[in-house]
Amino acid sequence: MTQARTERKITGRTVLFWMIGFFTVIFIANAIFLHLAWKSFPGVVTETAYEDGLAYNDAIAASREQAARDWSVSGEIERAGAEAARVAVLAKDADGAPLSGLTVTATLRRPASPEAPVVVVLQEGETGRYQAMVNDLAAGNWILDLEALGGREGEAFKSRNRVFLSQ
């Protein structure tokens, strides 16, 4: 024995309820996402936006001066034990001669991480070679900011590099 199936007709009222239900779900989801976005980001990228804007032209001029000096400054990080690492920098002038007497600072920070940066001042060993040991440096991606001050006329060199420190 088979029971006869009763067919349900799709009426305008059924379509209306389905459409209202569909768009209600979409609006609720959008409202939740908007609330979470507004709640999690205060809209402040920097606390000193006006001052940063005024200093922008100075930063461009300093970058052009740095490029005109044609210094060659290369930095590297290599593992020196289980948790320690050695930061080394080689600095040469436009003629390839080593740059001596610089104050070289390396700042290591994790990309997109709230961890405090690790700042070390490198000591000059051989002429033009600067290095320092850093303890408790975990493996992974790091941003290495180098700043070398000094030179013959008090010049400055700045660079930002992404490096990977192996296990």
N, C-alpha and C. Protein backbone atom coordinates (compact mmCIF):
# COMPACT_ATOMS: atom_id res chain seq x y z
N MET A 1 0.81 -1.16 0.00
CA MET A 1 0.00 0.00 0.00
C MET A 1 0.87 1.24 0.00
N THR A 2 0.62 2.03 -0.87
CA THR A 2 1.34 3.29 -0.94
C THR A 2 0.40 4.42 -0.65
N GLN A 3 0.96 5.33 0.08
CA GLN A 3 0.13 6.50 0.40
C GLN A 3 0.34 7.55 -0.66
N ALA A 4 -0.67 8.19 -0.97
CA ALA A 4 -0.59 9.25 -1.97
C ALA A 4 0.04 10.48 -1.33
N ARG A 5 0.98 11.04 -2.03
CA ARG A 5 1.65 12.26 -1.54
C ARG A 5 0.81 13.46 -1.92
N THR A 6 0.68 14.31 -0.98
CA THR A 6 -0.05 15.54 -1.29
C THR A 6 0.96 16.58 -1.73
N GLU A 7 0.69 17.20 -2.79
CA GLU A 7 1.59 18.23 -3.30
C GLU A 7 1.30 19.55 -2.61
N ARG A 8 2.39 20.24 -2.29
CA ARG A 8 2.26 21.57 -1.69
C ARG A 8 2.49 22.59 -2.77
N LYS A 9 1.64 23.50 -2.84
CA LYS A 9 1.77 24.54 -3.83
C LYS A 9 2.64 25.66 -3.28
N ILE A 10 3.46 26.20 -4.13
CA ILE A 10 4.26 27.37 -3.76
C ILE A 10 3.42 28.59 -4.09
N THR A 11 3.11 29.26 -3.03
CA THR A 11 2.27 30.45 -3.20
C THR A 11 3.14 31.70 -3.04
N GLY A 12 2.57 32.81 -3.31
CA GLY A 12 3.27 34.08 -3.14
C GLY A 12 3.62 34.33 -1.69
N ARG A 13 2.78 33.88 -0.80
CA ARG A 13 3.03 34.05 0.63
C ARG A 13 4.26 33.23 1.05
N THR A 14 4.39 32.01 0.53
CA THR A 14 5.55 31.16 0.86
C THR A 14 6.84 31.81 0.36
N VAL A 15 6.83 32.30 -0.85
CA VAL A 15 8.02 32.96 -1.41
C VAL A 15 8.35 34.21 -0.60
N LEU A 16 7.36 34.95 -0.19
CA LEU A 16 7.58 36.15 0.61
C LEU A 16 8.24 35.80 1.94
N PHE A 17 7.75 34.76 2.62
CA PHE A 17 8.34 34.36 3.90
C PHE A 17 9.79 33.88 3.73
N TRP A 18 10.05 33.13 2.68
CA TRP A 18 11.41 32.68 2.42
C TRP A 18 12.34 33.86 2.13
N MET A 19 11.90 34.81 1.37
CA MET A 19 12.71 35.99 1.05
C MET A 19 12.98 36.82 2.31
N ILE A 20 11.95 37.03 3.11
CA ILE A 20 12.12 37.78 4.36
C ILE A 20 13.09 37.05 5.28
N GLY A 21 12.96 35.74 5.41
CA GLY A 21 13.86 34.95 6.25
C GLY A 21 15.30 35.01 5.76
N PHE A 22 15.50 34.88 4.45
CA PHE A 22 16.84 34.92 3.87
C PHE A 22 17.52 36.25 4.14
N PHE A 23 16.84 37.35 3.84
CA PHE A 23 17.46 38.65 4.04
C PHE A 23 17.61 39.01 5.52
N THR A 24 16.75 38.48 6.37
CA THR A 24 16.91 38.70 7.81
C THR A 24 18.20 38.05 8.29
N VAL A 25 18.47 36.84 7.85
CA VAL A 25 19.72 36.16 8.24
C VAL A 25 20.93 36.95 7.73
N ILE A 26 20.89 37.44 6.50
CA ILE A 26 22.00 38.22 5.94
C ILE A 26 22.21 39.50 6.74
N PHE A 27 21.15 40.23 7.05
CA PHE A 27 21.28 41.47 7.81
C PHE A 27 21.81 41.22 9.22
N ILE A 28 21.39 40.16 9.86
CA ILE A 28 21.88 39.83 11.21
C ILE A 28 23.38 39.51 11.16
N ALA A 29 23.79 38.71 10.16
CA ALA A 29 25.22 38.37 10.03
C ALA A 29 26.05 39.63 9.78
N ASN A 30 25.58 40.51 8.90
CA ASN A 30 26.30 41.75 8.63
C ASN A 30 26.38 42.63 9.87
N ALA A 31 25.31 42.69 10.63
CA ALA A 31 25.31 43.50 11.86
C ALA A 31 26.32 42.95 12.85
N ILE A 32 26.40 41.64 12.98
CA ILE A 32 27.38 41.03 13.90
C ILE A 32 28.80 41.36 13.44
N PHE A 33 29.08 41.20 12.13
CA PHE A 33 30.42 41.48 11.63
C PHE A 33 30.79 42.95 11.78
N LEU A 34 29.85 43.84 11.52
CA LEU A 34 30.13 45.27 11.71
C LEU A 34 30.42 45.59 13.17
N HIS A 35 29.64 45.03 14.07
CA HIS A 35 29.86 45.26 15.49
C HIS A 35 31.25 44.77 15.90
N LEU A 36 31.63 43.56 15.47
CA LEU A 36 32.95 43.03 15.82
C LEU A 36 34.07 43.86 15.22
N ALA A 37 33.89 44.36 14.01
CA ALA A 37 34.92 45.18 13.38
C ALA A 37 35.08 46.51 14.11
N TRP A 38 33.99 47.17 14.42
CA TRP A 38 34.07 48.45 15.13
C TRP A 38 34.61 48.28 16.54
N LYS A 39 34.28 47.18 17.17
CA LYS A 39 34.72 46.94 18.54
C LYS A 39 36.21 46.61 18.61
N SER A 40 36.75 45.91 17.61
CA SER A 40 38.13 45.44 17.67
C SER A 40 39.15 46.44 17.13
N PHE A 41 38.77 47.41 16.33
CA PHE A 41 39.71 48.37 15.76
C PHE A 41 39.28 49.78 16.11
N PRO A 42 40.09 50.48 16.92
CA PRO A 42 39.68 51.83 17.33
C PRO A 42 39.83 52.88 16.25
N GLY A 43 40.49 52.55 15.14
CA GLY A 43 40.67 53.51 14.07
C GLY A 43 41.93 54.33 14.19
N VAL A 44 42.70 54.14 15.25
CA VAL A 44 43.92 54.90 15.45
C VAL A 44 45.10 54.07 14.95
N VAL A 45 45.80 54.56 13.93
CA VAL A 45 46.98 53.88 13.43
C VAL A 45 48.21 54.42 14.14
N THR A 46 48.24 55.70 14.36
CA THR A 46 49.34 56.32 15.08
C THR A 46 48.77 57.42 15.97
N GLU A 47 49.39 57.64 17.08
CA GLU A 47 48.95 58.67 18.01
C GLU A 47 49.41 60.06 17.57
N THR A 48 50.41 60.10 16.68
CA THR A 48 50.99 61.38 16.27
C THR A 48 50.88 61.54 14.76
N ALA A 49 49.70 61.44 14.22
CA ALA A 49 49.51 61.49 12.78
C ALA A 49 49.96 62.83 12.19
N TYR A 50 49.63 63.92 12.83
CA TYR A 50 50.00 65.24 12.31
C TYR A 50 51.52 65.40 12.27
N GLU A 51 52.19 65.05 13.36
CA GLU A 51 53.64 65.16 13.43
C GLU A 51 54.30 64.23 12.43
N ASP A 52 53.76 63.01 12.28
CA ASP A 52 54.30 62.07 11.30
C ASP A 52 54.16 62.62 9.88
N GLY A 53 53.05 63.27 9.61
CA GLY A 53 52.86 63.87 8.29
C GLY A 53 53.85 64.98 8.03
N LEU A 54 54.13 65.80 9.03
CA LEU A 54 55.10 66.88 8.87
C LEU A 54 56.52 66.34 8.65
N ALA A 55 56.83 65.23 9.29
CA ALA A 55 58.17 64.63 9.18
C ALA A 55 58.35 63.80 7.92
N TYR A 56 57.30 63.61 7.15
CA TYR A 56 57.38 62.75 5.97
C TYR A 56 58.37 63.29 4.94
N ASN A 57 58.34 64.58 4.66
CA ASN A 57 59.27 65.17 3.70
C ASN A 57 60.72 65.05 4.18
N ASP A 58 60.93 65.18 5.49
CA ASP A 58 62.28 64.98 6.04
C ASP A 58 62.73 63.54 5.83
N ALA A 59 61.83 62.59 6.00
CA ALA A 59 62.17 61.18 5.80
C ALA A 59 62.53 60.91 4.34
N ILE A 60 61.81 61.53 3.41
CA ILE A 60 62.11 61.36 1.99
C ILE A 60 63.49 61.95 1.67
N ALA A 61 63.79 63.13 2.20
CA ALA A 61 65.09 63.76 1.96
C ALA A 61 66.22 62.91 2.54
N ALA A 62 66.02 62.37 3.73
CA ALA A 62 67.04 61.51 4.35
C ALA A 62 67.26 60.25 3.52
N SER A 63 66.19 59.70 2.97
CA SER A 63 66.31 58.51 2.13
C SER A 63 67.10 58.81 0.86
N ARG A 64 66.87 59.97 0.26
CA ARG A 64 67.62 60.37 -0.94
C ARG A 64 69.10 60.59 -0.62
N GLU A 65 69.38 61.21 0.52
CA GLU A 65 70.77 61.41 0.94
C GLU A 65 71.46 60.07 1.17
N GLN A 66 70.75 59.13 1.78
CA GLN A 66 71.31 57.80 2.02
C GLN A 66 71.63 57.10 0.69
N ALA A 67 70.72 57.20 -0.26
CA ALA A 67 70.94 56.57 -1.56
C ALA A 67 72.12 57.22 -2.29
N ALA A 68 72.29 58.53 -2.13
CA ALA A 68 73.39 59.23 -2.80
C ALA A 68 74.75 58.84 -2.22
N ARG A 69 74.81 58.49 -0.92
CA ARG A 69 76.07 58.07 -0.31
C ARG A 69 76.52 56.72 -0.86
N ASP A 70 75.57 55.88 -1.26
CA ASP A 70 75.86 54.57 -1.87
C ASP A 70 76.64 53.65 -0.93
N TRP A 71 76.28 53.71 0.35
CA TRP A 71 76.88 52.78 1.29
C TRP A 71 76.34 51.38 1.04
N SER A 72 77.16 50.41 1.34
CA SER A 72 76.74 49.01 1.27
C SER A 72 76.75 48.47 2.70
N VAL A 73 75.57 48.27 3.26
CA VAL A 73 75.45 47.77 4.63
C VAL A 73 74.61 46.51 4.58
N SER A 74 75.21 45.40 5.00
CA SER A 74 74.48 44.13 4.98
C SER A 74 74.46 43.55 6.38
N GLY A 75 73.32 43.03 6.77
CA GLY A 75 73.17 42.44 8.09
C GLY A 75 72.68 41.01 7.99
N GLU A 76 73.06 40.22 8.96
CA GLU A 76 72.60 38.83 9.00
C GLU A 76 72.45 38.37 10.44
N ILE A 77 71.61 37.37 10.61
CA ILE A 77 71.43 36.74 11.92
C ILE A 77 71.67 35.27 11.72
N GLU A 78 72.49 34.70 12.60
CA GLU A 78 72.72 33.25 12.52
C GLU A 78 72.69 32.67 13.93
N ARG A 79 72.24 31.45 14.00
CA ARG A 79 72.11 30.75 15.27
C ARG A 79 73.50 30.51 15.86
N ALA A 80 73.65 30.76 17.16
CA ALA A 80 74.91 30.54 17.88
C ALA A 80 74.60 29.83 19.18
N GLY A 81 74.07 28.63 19.09
CA GLY A 81 73.67 27.88 20.27
C GLY A 81 72.18 27.61 20.23
N ALA A 82 71.67 27.02 21.30
CA ALA A 82 70.26 26.62 21.32
C ALA A 82 69.32 27.81 21.29
N GLU A 83 69.57 28.84 22.08
CA GLU A 83 68.67 29.99 22.16
C GLU A 83 69.34 31.31 21.78
N ALA A 84 70.64 31.29 21.52
CA ALA A 84 71.36 32.52 21.22
C ALA A 84 71.52 32.69 19.72
N ALA A 85 71.73 33.93 19.32
CA ALA A 85 71.97 34.24 17.91
C ALA A 85 72.99 35.36 17.82
N ARG A 86 73.71 35.39 16.70
CA ARG A 86 74.70 36.43 16.47
C ARG A 86 74.18 37.33 15.37
N VAL A 87 74.14 38.64 15.65
CA VAL A 87 73.76 39.64 14.65
C VAL A 87 75.06 40.25 14.15
N ALA A 88 75.27 40.20 12.83
CA ALA A 88 76.50 40.73 12.25
C ALA A 88 76.16 41.70 11.12
N VAL A 89 76.94 42.78 11.04
CA VAL A 89 76.74 43.80 10.02
C VAL A 89 78.09 44.13 9.40
N LEU A 90 78.11 44.21 8.08
CA LEU A 90 79.29 44.63 7.34
C LEU A 90 78.95 45.93 6.63
N ALA A 91 79.74 46.98 6.89
CA ALA A 91 79.47 48.31 6.32
C ALA A 91 80.63 48.78 5.47
N LYS A 92 80.31 49.18 4.22
CA LYS A 92 81.32 49.69 3.30
C LYS A 92 80.81 50.98 2.67
N ASP A 93 81.76 51.84 2.30
CA ASP A 93 81.37 53.09 1.63
C ASP A 93 81.22 52.86 0.13
N ALA A 94 81.02 53.92 -0.62
CA ALA A 94 80.78 53.82 -2.06
C ALA A 94 81.97 53.23 -2.80
N ASP A 95 83.19 53.41 -2.27
CA ASP A 95 84.39 52.88 -2.92
C ASP A 95 84.70 51.46 -2.48
N GLY A 96 83.90 50.89 -1.58
CA GLY A 96 84.12 49.53 -1.09
C GLY A 96 85.03 49.45 0.12
N ALA A 97 85.43 50.61 0.65
CA ALA A 97 86.28 50.63 1.85
C ALA A 97 85.41 50.44 3.09
N PRO A 98 85.91 49.70 4.08
CA PRO A 98 85.12 49.49 5.31
C PRO A 98 84.86 50.80 6.04
N LEU A 99 83.65 50.92 6.59
CA LEU A 99 83.28 52.10 7.37
C LEU A 99 83.54 51.80 8.85
N SER A 100 84.42 52.58 9.43
CA SER A 100 84.80 52.36 10.82
C SER A 100 84.25 53.48 11.69
N GLY A 101 84.07 53.18 12.99
CA GLY A 101 83.65 54.20 13.94
C GLY A 101 82.17 54.49 13.95
N LEU A 102 81.35 53.60 13.38
CA LEU A 102 79.90 53.80 13.38
C LEU A 102 79.29 53.30 14.68
N THR A 103 78.16 53.86 15.03
CA THR A 103 77.35 53.32 16.11
C THR A 103 76.21 52.57 15.45
N VAL A 104 76.26 51.24 15.51
CA VAL A 104 75.29 50.41 14.81
C VAL A 104 74.33 49.81 15.83
N THR A 105 73.05 50.03 15.59
CA THR A 105 72.00 49.50 16.46
C THR A 105 71.10 48.59 15.62
N ALA A 106 70.83 47.42 16.17
CA ALA A 106 69.93 46.48 15.51
C ALA A 106 68.70 46.31 16.39
N THR A 107 67.53 46.44 15.77
CA THR A 107 66.27 46.24 16.47
C THR A 107 65.56 45.06 15.83
N LEU A 108 65.29 44.04 16.62
CA LEU A 108 64.61 42.84 16.13
C LEU A 108 63.20 42.82 16.67
N ARG A 109 62.23 42.68 15.77
CA ARG A 109 60.84 42.62 16.20
C ARG A 109 60.13 41.56 15.37
N ARG A 110 59.12 40.99 15.97
CA ARG A 110 58.30 40.00 15.27
C ARG A 110 57.27 40.72 14.41
N PRO A 111 57.03 40.22 13.20
CA PRO A 111 55.97 40.83 12.38
C PRO A 111 54.60 40.58 13.02
N ALA A 112 53.80 41.61 13.10
CA ALA A 112 52.42 41.51 13.59
C ALA A 112 52.34 40.82 14.95
N SER A 113 53.19 41.23 15.86
CA SER A 113 53.19 40.63 17.20
C SER A 113 53.32 41.73 18.24
N PRO A 114 52.66 41.57 19.38
CA PRO A 114 52.76 42.58 20.43
C PRO A 114 54.03 42.46 21.28
N GLU A 115 54.88 41.46 20.97
CA GLU A 115 56.11 41.30 21.74
C GLU A 115 56.95 42.57 21.67
N ALA A 116 57.64 42.85 22.76
CA ALA A 116 58.53 44.01 22.77
C ALA A 116 59.73 43.74 21.87
N PRO A 117 60.20 44.75 21.15
CA PRO A 117 61.36 44.53 20.28
C PRO A 117 62.62 44.30 21.10
N VAL A 118 63.58 43.61 20.48
CA VAL A 118 64.88 43.37 21.08
C VAL A 118 65.85 44.35 20.44
N VAL A 119 66.46 45.21 21.25
CA VAL A 119 67.38 46.23 20.74
C VAL A 119 68.78 45.90 21.24
N VAL A 120 69.74 45.83 20.31
CA VAL A 120 71.14 45.57 20.67
C VAL A 120 72.03 46.57 19.95
N VAL A 121 73.08 47.01 20.64
CA VAL A 121 74.09 47.87 20.04
C VAL A 121 75.25 46.98 19.66
N LEU A 122 75.64 47.02 18.39
CA LEU A 122 76.69 46.16 17.89
C LEU A 122 78.06 46.79 18.14
N GLN A 123 79.01 45.94 18.42
CA GLN A 123 80.38 46.39 18.67
C GLN A 123 81.24 46.12 17.44
N GLU A 124 82.16 47.03 17.15
CA GLU A 124 83.02 46.86 15.99
C GLU A 124 84.15 45.90 16.35
N GLY A 125 84.31 44.86 15.54
CA GLY A 125 85.41 43.91 15.70
C GLY A 125 86.49 44.31 14.70
N GLU A 126 86.48 43.63 13.56
CA GLU A 126 87.36 44.05 12.47
C GLU A 126 86.84 45.38 11.94
N THR A 127 87.64 46.09 11.20
CA THR A 127 87.23 47.38 10.63
C THR A 127 86.04 47.17 9.71
N GLY A 128 84.96 47.86 10.01
CA GLY A 128 83.76 47.78 9.18
C GLY A 128 82.85 46.61 9.50
N ARG A 129 83.23 45.74 10.43
CA ARG A 129 82.39 44.60 10.83
C ARG A 129 81.91 44.80 12.26
N TYR A 130 80.61 44.74 12.43
CA TYR A 130 79.99 44.98 13.73
C TYR A 130 79.17 43.75 14.09
N GLN A 131 79.18 43.39 15.37
CA GLN A 131 78.41 42.21 15.77
C GLN A 131 78.02 42.27 17.24
N ALA A 132 77.00 41.47 17.57
CA ALA A 132 76.53 41.36 18.95
C ALA A 132 75.82 40.03 19.10
N MET A 133 75.81 39.52 20.31
CA MET A 133 75.09 38.27 20.62
C MET A 133 73.75 38.65 21.25
N VAL A 134 72.73 37.88 20.89
CA VAL A 134 71.39 38.08 21.44
C VAL A 134 70.95 36.76 22.06
N ASN A 135 70.60 36.79 23.33
CA ASN A 135 70.14 35.59 24.02
C ASN A 135 68.62 35.49 23.96
N ASP A 136 68.12 34.28 24.13
CA ASP A 136 66.67 34.02 24.16
C ASP A 136 65.96 34.53 22.92
N LEU A 137 66.51 34.21 21.76
CA LEU A 137 65.90 34.62 20.49
C LEU A 137 65.29 33.38 19.83
N ALA A 138 63.97 33.36 19.79
CA ALA A 138 63.25 32.20 19.27
C ALA A 138 63.39 32.11 17.74
N ALA A 139 63.21 30.93 17.24
CA ALA A 139 63.25 30.71 15.79
C ALA A 139 62.02 31.33 15.14
N GLY A 140 62.14 31.61 13.85
CA GLY A 140 61.00 32.11 13.10
C GLY A 140 61.32 33.39 12.35
N ASN A 141 60.29 34.07 11.88
CA ASN A 141 60.43 35.30 11.11
C ASN A 141 60.67 36.49 12.03
N TRP A 142 61.58 37.36 11.61
CA TRP A 142 61.91 38.57 12.36
C TRP A 142 62.05 39.73 11.38
N ILE A 143 61.81 40.93 11.87
CA ILE A 143 62.13 42.14 11.12
C ILE A 143 63.38 42.73 11.77
N LEU A 144 64.42 42.92 10.96
CA LEU A 144 65.69 43.46 11.43
C LEU A 144 65.81 44.90 10.95
N ASP A 145 65.73 45.83 11.88
CA ASP A 145 65.93 47.25 11.58
C ASP A 145 67.36 47.60 11.96
N LEU A 146 68.12 48.08 10.98
CA LEU A 146 69.50 48.50 11.23
C LEU A 146 69.60 50.00 11.16
N GLU A 147 70.37 50.57 12.08
CA GLU A 147 70.63 52.01 12.07
C GLU A 147 72.11 52.19 12.36
N ALA A 148 72.83 52.80 11.42
CA ALA A 148 74.25 53.07 11.58
C ALA A 148 74.45 54.58 11.57
N LEU A 149 75.00 55.11 12.65
CA LEU A 149 75.24 56.55 12.78
C LEU A 149 76.73 56.81 12.86
N GLY A 150 77.16 57.88 12.30
CA GLY A 150 78.58 58.25 12.37
C GLY A 150 79.10 58.61 11.01
N GLY A 151 80.14 57.93 10.59
CA GLY A 151 80.75 58.26 9.31
C GLY A 151 81.60 59.50 9.45
N ARG A 152 82.07 59.98 8.32
CA ARG A 152 82.96 61.15 8.34
C ARG A 152 82.22 62.43 8.73
N GLU A 153 80.97 62.55 8.30
CA GLU A 153 80.23 63.78 8.54
C GLU A 153 78.95 63.55 9.34
N GLY A 154 78.93 62.52 10.14
CA GLY A 154 77.76 62.23 10.97
C GLY A 154 76.59 61.67 10.19
N GLU A 155 76.86 61.00 9.07
CA GLU A 155 75.79 60.45 8.25
C GLU A 155 75.07 59.33 8.99
N ALA A 156 73.92 58.98 8.46
CA ALA A 156 73.12 57.91 9.04
C ALA A 156 72.69 56.95 7.93
N PHE A 157 72.56 55.69 8.30
CA PHE A 157 72.07 54.67 7.37
C PHE A 157 70.98 53.91 8.11
N LYS A 158 69.84 53.70 7.44
CA LYS A 158 68.75 52.94 8.03
C LYS A 158 68.26 51.93 7.01
N SER A 159 67.93 50.75 7.50
CA SER A 159 67.35 49.74 6.61
C SER A 159 66.43 48.83 7.41
N ARG A 160 65.51 48.22 6.71
CA ARG A 160 64.59 47.26 7.32
C ARG A 160 64.62 46.00 6.46
N ASN A 161 64.87 44.86 7.11
CA ASN A 161 64.97 43.59 6.41
C ASN A 161 64.15 42.54 7.13
N ARG A 162 63.56 41.65 6.36
CA ARG A 162 62.88 40.49 6.95
C ARG A 162 63.85 39.33 6.91
N VAL A 163 64.02 38.69 8.05
CA VAL A 163 64.95 37.57 8.14
C VAL A 163 64.25 36.38 8.79
N PHE A 164 64.78 35.21 8.52
CA PHE A 164 64.25 33.98 9.13
C PHE A 164 65.37 33.35 9.93
N LEU A 165 65.10 33.09 11.19
CA LEU A 165 66.07 32.46 12.07
C LEU A 165 65.65 31.01 12.27
N SER A 166 66.53 30.10 11.87
CA SER A 166 66.18 28.68 11.96
C SER A 166 66.30 28.18 13.40
N GLN A 167 65.84 26.98 13.61
CA GLN A 167 65.79 26.35 14.93
C GLN A 167 67.16 26.17 15.51
